[in-house]
Amino acid sequence: MAENAGVIERIWRYPIKSTGGERLRGVRVDERGLAGDRLYAVRDAEGKFGSGKNTRRFRRMDGLLHLTSRYAPGDQEPGLPELIDPHGRVVADPTAYLRTYLGRDDVELAREGEVSHFDQLPLSVLTTATLDWIRAEVPEVPVDERRFRPNVLLRTPPGTPPFVEDEWIGRKARVGDALHIEFLRSSERCVMTNQAQQDLPHAPLILKTIARAHDNRLDMLARVISPGTVRVGESVVLA
């Protein structure tokens, strides 16, 4: 039997990986995810992508979360994104700016090639039930969905328990008229959750709380079965 999981409250796209994103009212979604999402990244001479951590694929580059990226308003097929500095100004030359800002002459703004810019899967969904629980656990810390970088914040019905996303693993869902997705697993969180960004301060209590209560995992990741459009106000209906 079909089950209404909630209503889409906010949609986020991150044109340049590891920078602040842009809020949308609606966007096309295909097998790769939201059109233009994480299509670009800051890449160094070794081919590693700028991030808040050092791994086999990522290079820690502090300060990226204080920058924002967006596509020009009205772009139906995203081109080169705009990079916005901490003061809200669009920079003229993203690569030149990044080299000065990061103090590195080996970085560039690079479009996705053979290596995906996604950590795991292309679509991340977070519920207000889980977000509100975190707020209640750490009332002294500003908690905002931007810390968790979801594509969709889903407004769940009153009384929905936190981490309800866990119940969706292996289930398919319809979003709007055409978009169909399948939920597969949750994200393992890292230090980026704690990092300061724009108006949010450094907050290590958030990651500690998630680790203690939910094995360091938060949200639900999905693959796209059939493309469509996602819009604010639409329902996500579980099959």
Protein backbone atom coordinates (compact mmCIF):
# COMPACT_ATOMS: atom_id res chain seq x y z
CA MET A 1 0.00 0.00 0.00
CA ALA A 2 1.26 3.46 -0.90
CA GLU A 3 2.42 5.65 1.99
CA ASN A 4 2.94 9.41 1.99
CA ALA A 5 6.39 9.96 3.51
CA GLY A 6 6.07 13.75 3.53
CA VAL A 7 6.05 16.95 1.50
CA ILE A 8 9.12 18.56 -0.05
CA GLU A 9 9.92 21.69 1.95
CA ARG A 10 13.26 22.71 0.43
CA ILE A 11 15.42 21.67 -2.51
CA TRP A 12 19.19 22.24 -2.51
CA ARG A 13 21.68 22.01 -5.36
CA TYR A 14 25.45 22.34 -5.00
CA PRO A 15 26.92 23.30 -8.40
CA ILE A 16 30.50 23.22 -7.05
CA LYS A 17 31.20 20.36 -4.70
CA SER A 18 32.02 21.30 -1.07
CA THR A 19 30.78 24.88 -1.44
CA GLY A 20 27.49 26.30 -0.20
CA GLY A 21 24.54 25.55 -2.45
CA GLU A 22 21.48 27.22 -3.91
CA ARG A 23 17.81 26.80 -2.97
CA LEU A 24 15.48 25.93 -5.82
CA ARG A 25 11.72 25.80 -6.31
CA GLY A 26 12.03 22.97 -8.80
CA VAL A 27 14.61 21.18 -10.92
CA ARG A 28 14.94 18.38 -13.44
CA VAL A 29 16.29 15.08 -12.11
CA ASP A 30 17.89 12.32 -14.16
CA GLU A 31 20.02 9.25 -13.41
CA ARG A 32 22.91 11.46 -12.34
CA GLY A 33 20.73 13.39 -9.88
CA LEU A 34 19.59 17.02 -9.84
CA ALA A 35 20.62 18.72 -13.09
CA GLY A 36 24.01 20.30 -12.48
CA ASP A 37 24.38 19.08 -8.90
CA ARG A 38 28.08 18.76 -7.97
CA LEU A 39 28.88 18.90 -11.68
CA TYR A 40 31.99 20.95 -10.84
CA ALA A 41 34.62 20.56 -8.13
CA VAL A 42 37.86 22.15 -6.99
CA ARG A 43 40.58 19.78 -8.23
CA ASP A 44 44.30 19.76 -7.47
CA ALA A 45 47.26 18.62 -9.57
CA GLU A 46 46.93 15.04 -8.27
CA GLY A 47 43.30 14.84 -9.33
CA LYS A 48 41.93 15.02 -5.79
CA PHE A 49 38.78 17.01 -5.10
CA GLY A 50 38.57 19.81 -2.55
CA SER A 51 36.73 18.77 0.60
CA GLY A 52 36.79 19.03 4.38
CA LYS A 53 38.76 15.80 4.74
CA ASN A 54 41.77 13.91 3.38
CA THR A 55 41.04 10.54 1.76
CA ARG A 56 42.07 8.61 -1.33
CA ARG A 57 39.77 10.82 -3.44
CA PHE A 58 39.61 14.06 -1.45
CA ARG A 59 42.01 16.76 -0.36
CA ARG A 60 41.22 18.91 2.66
CA MET A 61 40.86 22.54 1.57
CA ASP A 62 39.67 24.69 4.44
CA GLY A 63 37.36 27.56 3.62
CA LEU A 64 35.34 26.13 0.73
CA LEU A 65 32.15 26.08 2.82
CA HIS A 66 32.40 29.87 3.19
CA LEU A 67 31.99 30.13 -0.58
CA THR A 68 28.72 29.63 -2.47
CA SER A 69 27.96 28.43 -5.96
CA ARG A 70 24.95 28.82 -8.23
CA TYR A 71 23.94 28.71 -11.85
CA ALA A 72 22.77 31.86 -13.58
CA PRO A 73 19.03 32.39 -12.97
CA GLY A 74 16.93 30.86 -15.71
CA ASP A 75 19.54 28.38 -16.90
CA GLN A 76 17.67 25.29 -18.09
CA GLU A 77 20.86 23.45 -19.01
CA PRO A 78 23.47 24.47 -16.43
CA GLY A 79 26.64 25.94 -17.88
CA LEU A 80 29.63 27.16 -15.90
CA PRO A 81 28.45 27.96 -12.36
CA GLU A 82 29.03 31.25 -10.62
CA LEU A 83 31.34 31.21 -7.60
CA ILE A 84 30.38 33.67 -4.85
CA ASP A 85 32.90 34.93 -2.28
CA PRO A 86 32.21 35.17 1.50
CA HIS A 87 30.91 38.72 1.01
CA GLY A 88 28.28 37.66 -1.53
CA ARG A 89 30.09 38.88 -4.64
CA VAL A 90 30.36 36.83 -7.83
CA VAL A 91 34.04 36.35 -8.69
CA ALA A 92 35.21 37.08 -12.23
CA ASP A 93 37.59 34.12 -12.64
CA PRO A 94 36.78 31.15 -10.34
CA THR A 95 40.09 29.31 -10.81
CA ALA A 96 42.21 32.43 -10.27
CA TYR A 97 40.15 33.35 -7.22
CA LEU A 98 40.41 29.84 -5.74
CA ARG A 99 44.20 29.81 -6.13
CA THR A 100 44.50 33.06 -4.18
CA TYR A 101 41.79 32.18 -1.64
CA LEU A 102 43.21 28.72 -0.86
CA GLY A 103 46.86 29.74 -1.19
CA ARG A 104 47.50 27.00 -3.76
CA ASP A 105 48.61 27.40 -7.35
CA ASP A 106 47.73 23.84 -8.36
CA VAL A 107 43.93 23.99 -8.06
CA GLU A 108 41.33 24.62 -10.73
CA LEU A 109 37.57 24.57 -11.14
CA ALA A 110 36.95 21.34 -13.02
CA ARG A 111 33.90 19.79 -14.63
CA GLU A 112 33.16 16.16 -13.80
CA GLY A 113 34.92 13.67 -16.04
CA GLU A 114 35.27 9.92 -15.72
CA VAL A 115 35.48 10.09 -11.92
CA SER A 116 32.19 10.97 -10.26
CA HIS A 117 32.07 13.93 -7.89
CA PHE A 118 29.49 12.17 -5.70
CA ASP A 119 30.67 10.47 -2.53
CA GLN A 120 28.13 7.67 -2.97
CA LEU A 121 24.68 8.08 -4.57
CA PRO A 122 23.19 11.04 -6.46
CA LEU A 123 20.21 11.97 -4.29
CA SER A 124 20.12 12.75 -0.55
CA VAL A 125 16.86 13.14 1.41
CA LEU A 126 16.64 14.36 5.03
CA THR A 127 13.45 14.64 7.10
CA THR A 128 12.35 17.42 9.41
CA ALA A 129 11.67 14.75 12.05
CA THR A 130 15.37 13.88 12.19
CA LEU A 131 16.52 17.49 11.91
CA ASP A 132 14.22 18.57 14.78
CA TRP A 133 15.56 15.73 16.94
CA ILE A 134 19.13 16.95 16.49
CA ARG A 135 18.06 20.49 17.37
CA ALA A 136 16.50 19.22 20.59
CA GLU A 137 19.62 17.22 21.49
CA VAL A 138 22.01 20.17 21.07
CA PRO A 139 19.88 23.28 21.79
CA GLU A 140 22.97 25.42 22.33
CA VAL A 141 24.17 24.88 18.74
CA PRO A 142 22.62 26.36 15.58
CA VAL A 143 21.41 23.33 13.59
CA ASP A 144 20.47 23.82 9.95
CA GLU A 145 20.06 21.32 7.12
CA ARG A 146 22.93 23.05 5.33
CA ARG A 147 25.31 21.22 7.69
CA PHE A 148 24.15 17.91 6.17
CA ARG A 149 23.96 19.04 2.53
CA PRO A 150 20.80 17.21 1.48
CA ASN A 151 19.18 17.67 -1.90
CA VAL A 152 15.70 17.44 -0.39
CA LEU A 153 14.41 18.42 3.04
CA LEU A 154 11.16 16.52 3.55
CA ARG A 155 8.47 17.84 5.89
CA THR A 156 7.19 14.74 7.70
CA PRO A 157 3.75 14.39 9.35
CA PRO A 158 3.40 15.31 13.05
CA GLY A 159 4.52 12.51 15.35
CA THR A 160 6.98 11.02 12.87
CA PRO A 161 9.94 9.56 14.81
CA PRO A 162 13.51 10.69 14.13
CA PHE A 163 15.56 8.57 11.74
CA VAL A 164 12.39 7.41 10.02
CA GLU A 165 14.55 7.39 6.89
CA ASP A 166 15.97 4.03 8.04
CA GLU A 167 12.61 2.42 7.32
CA TRP A 168 12.88 3.36 3.63
CA ILE A 169 15.91 1.22 2.78
CA GLY A 170 15.09 -0.92 -0.23
CA ARG A 171 11.81 0.89 -0.92
CA LYS A 172 10.85 2.76 -4.07
CA ALA A 173 9.05 6.09 -4.12
CA ARG A 174 7.27 8.40 -6.54
CA VAL A 175 7.90 12.13 -6.49
CA GLY A 176 5.39 14.23 -8.42
CA ASP A 177 4.07 12.75 -11.65
CA ALA A 178 7.09 11.12 -13.26
CA LEU A 179 10.13 10.90 -10.98
CA HIS A 180 10.71 7.48 -9.40
CA ILE A 181 13.57 6.73 -7.01
CA GLU A 182 14.81 3.87 -4.85
CA PHE A 183 16.24 4.39 -1.36
CA LEU A 184 19.36 2.32 -0.76
CA ARG A 185 21.36 3.45 2.29
CA SER A 186 22.23 6.34 4.60
CA SER A 187 25.29 8.60 4.57
CA GLU A 188 28.18 8.10 6.95
CA ARG A 189 28.95 11.54 8.34
CA CYS A 190 32.37 13.18 8.55
CA VAL A 191 33.98 16.32 9.97
CA MET A 192 32.32 18.51 7.33
CA THR A 193 29.18 18.31 9.49
CA ASN A 194 30.98 20.28 12.21
CA GLN A 195 32.68 22.88 10.07
CA ALA A 196 31.78 26.55 10.07
CA GLN A 197 30.03 27.82 6.98
CA GLN A 198 28.65 31.24 6.18
CA ASP A 199 26.55 32.08 9.28
CA LEU A 200 26.93 28.70 11.02
CA PRO A 201 29.76 28.33 13.59
CA HIS A 202 32.08 25.37 14.13
CA ALA A 203 30.07 22.82 16.15
CA PRO A 204 31.72 19.47 17.06
CA LEU A 205 28.77 18.49 19.26
CA ILE A 206 26.66 17.73 16.20
CA LEU A 207 28.85 14.93 14.87
CA LYS A 208 29.34 13.53 18.38
CA THR A 209 25.56 13.42 18.85
CA ILE A 210 24.97 11.61 15.56
CA ALA A 211 27.77 9.15 16.33
CA ARG A 212 26.36 8.36 19.76
CA ALA A 213 22.72 8.05 18.75
CA HIS A 214 22.83 6.66 15.23
CA ASP A 215 26.20 5.14 14.41
CA ASN A 216 27.37 8.30 12.65
CA ARG A 217 24.75 7.94 9.90
CA LEU A 218 22.17 10.49 8.78
CA ASP A 219 19.75 10.97 5.82
CA MET A 220 18.76 8.50 3.10
CA LEU A 221 20.48 8.13 -0.26
CA ALA A 222 18.65 7.14 -3.40
CA ARG A 223 19.20 6.21 -7.02
CA VAL A 224 16.98 7.51 -9.79
CA ILE A 225 14.87 4.87 -11.54
CA SER A 226 13.05 7.13 -13.99
CA PRO A 227 13.71 10.85 -14.57
CA GLY A 228 11.33 13.66 -13.83
CA THR A 229 11.09 16.98 -12.05
CA VAL A 230 11.14 17.61 -8.32
CA ARG A 231 9.27 20.65 -6.94
CA VAL A 232 8.70 22.24 -3.55
CA GLY A 233 5.29 21.22 -2.21
CA GLU A 234 5.19 17.83 -3.91
CA SER A 235 4.69 14.64 -1.93
CA VAL A 236 7.10 11.73 -1.74
CA VAL A 237 4.95 8.59 -1.88
CA LEU A 238 6.50 5.29 -0.82
CA ALA A 239 5.48 2.27 -2.89
